[in-house]
């Protein structure tokens, strides 16, 4: 198994959705993972967005979040959640640019890392 396959399989137990995203000229530019329903709070969560390095900083990540958010709003949800280890400040800055608000800090007892929980009103 290669590293990507291992990474993708690490999300299997959550029963979320992996999606491939294409550019306007139909070239694959990234993938995302989200949950329509998470056991932690019974709400939708953004798991990750991975954009090809040559396609970063072109607004694709924001558009992906907008699309996922719109679909969740159409399904009756009022918010989309995300979290990140506090040490990943680039991801947290990106979430902030996408109108996620930091709501709390939690410590994961398994790995002893602090996680910042964010929410985006829909």
C-alpha atoms as a PDB file:
ATOM      1  CA  UNK A   1       0.000   0.000   0.000  1.00  0.00           C
ATOM      2  CA  UNK A   2       1.295   3.472  -0.828  1.00  0.00           C
ATOM      3  CA  UNK A   3       1.160   6.498   1.489  1.00  0.00           C
ATOM      4  CA  UNK A   4      -1.915   8.004  -0.202  1.00  0.00           C
ATOM      5  CA  UNK A   5      -3.871   4.762   0.089  1.00  0.00           C
ATOM      6  CA  UNK A   6      -2.972   4.489   3.779  1.00  0.00           C
ATOM      7  CA  UNK A   7      -4.046   8.115   4.313  1.00  0.00           C
ATOM      8  CA  UNK A   8      -7.383   7.599   2.547  1.00  0.00           C
ATOM      9  CA  UNK A   9      -8.090   4.387   4.456  1.00  0.00           C
ATOM     10  CA  UNK A  10      -7.449   6.127   7.787  1.00  0.00           C
ATOM     11  CA  UNK A  11     -10.763   7.949   7.258  1.00  0.00           C
ATOM     12  CA  UNK A  12     -12.846   4.836   6.415  1.00  0.00           C
ATOM     13  CA  UNK A  13     -14.347   4.349   9.873  1.00  0.00           C
ATOM     14  CA  UNK A  14     -16.049   7.756   9.748  1.00  0.00           C
ATOM     15  CA  UNK A  15     -18.160   6.916   6.671  1.00  0.00           C
ATOM     16  CA  UNK A  16     -17.721  10.332   5.095  1.00  0.00           C
ATOM     17  CA  UNK A  17     -17.368  11.413   1.485  1.00  0.00           C
ATOM     18  CA  UNK A  18     -14.172  11.732  -0.523  1.00  0.00           C
ATOM     19  CA  UNK A  19     -14.602  13.916  -3.598  1.00  0.00           C
ATOM     20  CA  UNK A  20     -12.375  14.791  -6.520  1.00  0.00           C
ATOM     21  CA  UNK A  21     -12.600  18.409  -7.659  1.00  0.00           C
ATOM     22  CA  UNK A  22     -11.804  19.680 -11.158  1.00  0.00           C
ATOM     23  CA  UNK A  23     -10.738  23.031 -12.541  1.00  0.00           C
ATOM     24  CA  UNK A  24     -13.019  24.898 -14.984  1.00  0.00           C
ATOM     25  CA  UNK A  25     -11.251  23.099 -17.863  1.00  0.00           C
ATOM     26  CA  UNK A  26     -12.006  19.745 -16.183  1.00  0.00           C
ATOM     27  CA  UNK A  27      -8.494  18.976 -14.918  1.00  0.00           C
ATOM     28  CA  UNK A  28      -8.365  17.355 -11.443  1.00  0.00           C
ATOM     29  CA  UNK A  29      -7.024  19.919  -8.963  1.00  0.00           C
ATOM     30  CA  UNK A  30      -7.816  18.470  -5.540  1.00  0.00           C
ATOM     31  CA  UNK A  31      -9.725  16.205  -3.215  1.00  0.00           C
ATOM     32  CA  UNK A  32     -11.800  16.803  -0.115  1.00  0.00           C
ATOM     33  CA  UNK A  33     -13.286  14.761   2.675  1.00  0.00           C
ATOM     34  CA  UNK A  34     -16.305  15.698   4.757  1.00  0.00           C
ATOM     35  CA  UNK A  35     -18.888  14.101   6.993  1.00  0.00           C
ATOM     36  CA  UNK A  36     -22.584  14.819   6.657  1.00  0.00           C
ATOM     37  CA  UNK A  37     -23.008  13.634  10.244  1.00  0.00           C
ATOM     38  CA  UNK A  38     -20.312  13.253  12.884  1.00  0.00           C
ATOM     39  CA  UNK A  39     -20.864  11.154  16.003  1.00  0.00           C
ATOM     40  CA  UNK A  40     -19.262  13.839  18.195  1.00  0.00           C
ATOM     41  CA  UNK A  41     -22.015  16.439  17.752  1.00  0.00           C
ATOM     42  CA  UNK A  42     -24.314  15.023  15.037  1.00  0.00           C
ATOM     43  CA  UNK A  43     -23.404  17.820  12.630  1.00  0.00           C
ATOM     44  CA  UNK A  44     -21.452  18.101   9.348  1.00  0.00           C
ATOM     45  CA  UNK A  45     -17.653  18.352   9.533  1.00  0.00           C
ATOM     46  CA  UNK A  46     -14.983  19.246   7.016  1.00  0.00           C
ATOM     47  CA  UNK A  47     -12.207  16.668   7.285  1.00  0.00           C
ATOM     48  CA  UNK A  48      -9.622  17.906   4.812  1.00  0.00           C
ATOM     49  CA  UNK A  49      -8.969  19.583   1.505  1.00  0.00           C
ATOM     50  CA  UNK A  50      -5.899  18.701  -0.532  1.00  0.00           C
ATOM     51  CA  UNK A  51      -5.111  20.915  -3.538  1.00  0.00           C
ATOM     52  CA  UNK A  52      -2.416  20.061  -6.074  1.00  0.00           C
ATOM     53  CA  UNK A  53       0.637  22.253  -5.314  1.00  0.00           C
ATOM     54  CA  UNK A  54       0.506  23.866  -8.799  1.00  0.00           C
ATOM     55  CA  UNK A  55      -3.117  24.909  -8.213  1.00  0.00           C
ATOM     56  CA  UNK A  56      -2.842  26.422  -4.736  1.00  0.00           C
ATOM     57  CA  UNK A  57      -3.668  30.056  -3.986  1.00  0.00           C
ATOM     58  CA  UNK A  58      -6.157  30.230  -6.860  1.00  0.00           C
ATOM     59  CA  UNK A  59      -9.314  30.141  -4.728  1.00  0.00           C
ATOM     60  CA  UNK A  60     -10.154  26.479  -5.277  1.00  0.00           C
ATOM     61  CA  UNK A  61     -10.130  25.594  -1.571  1.00  0.00           C
ATOM     62  CA  UNK A  62     -12.580  28.405  -0.754  1.00  0.00           C
ATOM     63  CA  UNK A  63     -14.873  27.325  -3.589  1.00  0.00           C
ATOM     64  CA  UNK A  64     -14.818  23.726  -2.384  1.00  0.00           C
ATOM     65  CA  UNK A  65     -15.833  24.833   1.123  1.00  0.00           C
ATOM     66  CA  UNK A  66     -18.567  27.042  -0.356  1.00  0.00           C
ATOM     67  CA  UNK A  67     -19.944  24.101  -2.351  1.00  0.00           C
ATOM     68  CA  UNK A  68     -19.887  21.708   0.607  1.00  0.00           C
ATOM     69  CA  UNK A  69     -21.468  24.410   2.799  1.00  0.00           C
ATOM     70  CA  UNK A  70     -24.215  25.085   0.265  1.00  0.00           C
ATOM     71  CA  UNK A  71     -25.056  21.371   0.080  1.00  0.00           C
ATOM     72  CA  UNK A  72     -25.185  21.142   3.888  1.00  0.00           C
ATOM     73  CA  UNK A  73     -27.419  24.239   4.085  1.00  0.00           C
ATOM     74  CA  UNK A  74     -29.765  22.677   1.503  1.00  0.00           C
ATOM     75  CA  UNK A  75     -29.913  19.612   3.787  1.00  0.00           C
ATOM     76  CA  UNK A  76     -31.096  21.797   6.676  1.00  0.00           C
ATOM     77  CA  UNK A  77     -27.807  22.365   8.505  1.00  0.00           C
ATOM     78  CA  UNK A  78     -26.931  25.750   9.949  1.00  0.00           C
ATOM     79  CA  UNK A  79     -23.173  25.250  10.418  1.00  0.00           C
ATOM     80  CA  UNK A  80     -20.139  23.337   9.157  1.00  0.00           C
ATOM     81  CA  UNK A  81     -17.447  22.318  11.658  1.00  0.00           C
ATOM     82  CA  UNK A  82     -13.711  21.742  11.309  1.00  0.00           C
ATOM     83  CA  UNK A  83     -10.833  21.179  13.701  1.00  0.00           C
ATOM     84  CA  UNK A  84      -7.087  21.202  13.598  1.00  0.00           C
ATOM     85  CA  UNK A  85      -4.159  20.659  15.887  1.00  0.00           C
ATOM     86  CA  UNK A  86      -3.293  24.112  17.225  1.00  0.00           C
ATOM     87  CA  UNK A  87       0.238  23.785  15.821  1.00  0.00           C
ATOM     88  CA  UNK A  88      -1.085  23.781  12.199  1.00  0.00           C
ATOM     89  CA  UNK A  89      -1.473  27.522  11.965  1.00  0.00           C
ATOM     90  CA  UNK A  90      -1.510  27.591   8.122  1.00  0.00           C
ATOM     91  CA  UNK A  91      -4.641  25.404   8.057  1.00  0.00           C
ATOM     92  CA  UNK A  92      -6.244  27.523  10.790  1.00  0.00           C
ATOM     93  CA  UNK A  93      -5.460  30.729   8.859  1.00  0.00           C
ATOM     94  CA  UNK A  94      -7.005  29.182   5.746  1.00  0.00           C
ATOM     95  CA  UNK A  95     -10.150  28.235   7.677  1.00  0.00           C
ATOM     96  CA  UNK A  96     -10.338  31.803   8.999  1.00  0.00           C
ATOM     97  CA  UNK A  97     -10.168  33.184   5.450  1.00  0.00           C
ATOM     98  CA  UNK A  98     -13.098  30.873   4.622  1.00  0.00           C
ATOM     99  CA  UNK A  99     -15.194  32.417   7.452  1.00  0.00           C
ATOM    100  CA  UNK A 100     -14.690  29.691  10.020  1.00  0.00           C
ATOM    101  CA  UNK A 101     -14.660  31.027  13.571  1.00  0.00           C
ATOM    102  CA  UNK A 102     -12.612  29.474  16.348  1.00  0.00           C
ATOM    103  CA  UNK A 103     -14.977  28.394  19.120  1.00  0.00           C
ATOM    104  CA  UNK A 104     -12.961  26.310  21.562  1.00  0.00           C
ATOM    105  CA  UNK A 105      -9.785  24.470  22.371  1.00  0.00           C
ATOM    106  CA  UNK A 106      -9.814  20.776  23.289  1.00  0.00           C
ATOM    107  CA  UNK A 107      -6.982  18.476  24.302  1.00  0.00           C
ATOM    108  CA  UNK A 108      -6.937  15.031  22.749  1.00  0.00           C
ATOM    109  CA  UNK A 109      -6.106  12.606  25.549  1.00  0.00           C
ATOM    110  CA  UNK A 110      -4.746  10.005  23.116  1.00  0.00           C
ATOM    111  CA  UNK A 111      -1.994  12.122  21.572  1.00  0.00           C
ATOM    112  CA  UNK A 112      -1.978  15.003  24.104  1.00  0.00           C
ATOM    113  CA  UNK A 113      -2.345  17.587  21.304  1.00  0.00           C
ATOM    114  CA  UNK A 114      -4.450  20.721  21.602  1.00  0.00           C
ATOM    115  CA  UNK A 115      -7.093  21.005  18.866  1.00  0.00           C
ATOM    116  CA  UNK A 116      -8.904  24.160  17.865  1.00  0.00           C
ATOM    117  CA  UNK A 117     -12.559  23.595  16.963  1.00  0.00           C
ATOM    118  CA  UNK A 118     -13.954  25.954  14.329  1.00  0.00           C
ATOM    119  CA  UNK A 119     -17.450  26.564  12.988  1.00  0.00           C
ATOM    120  CA  UNK A 120     -18.692  28.252   9.816  1.00  0.00           C
ATOM    121  CA  UNK A 121     -22.250  29.563   9.890  1.00  0.00           C
ATOM    122  CA  UNK A 122     -24.193  28.506   6.819  1.00  0.00           C
END
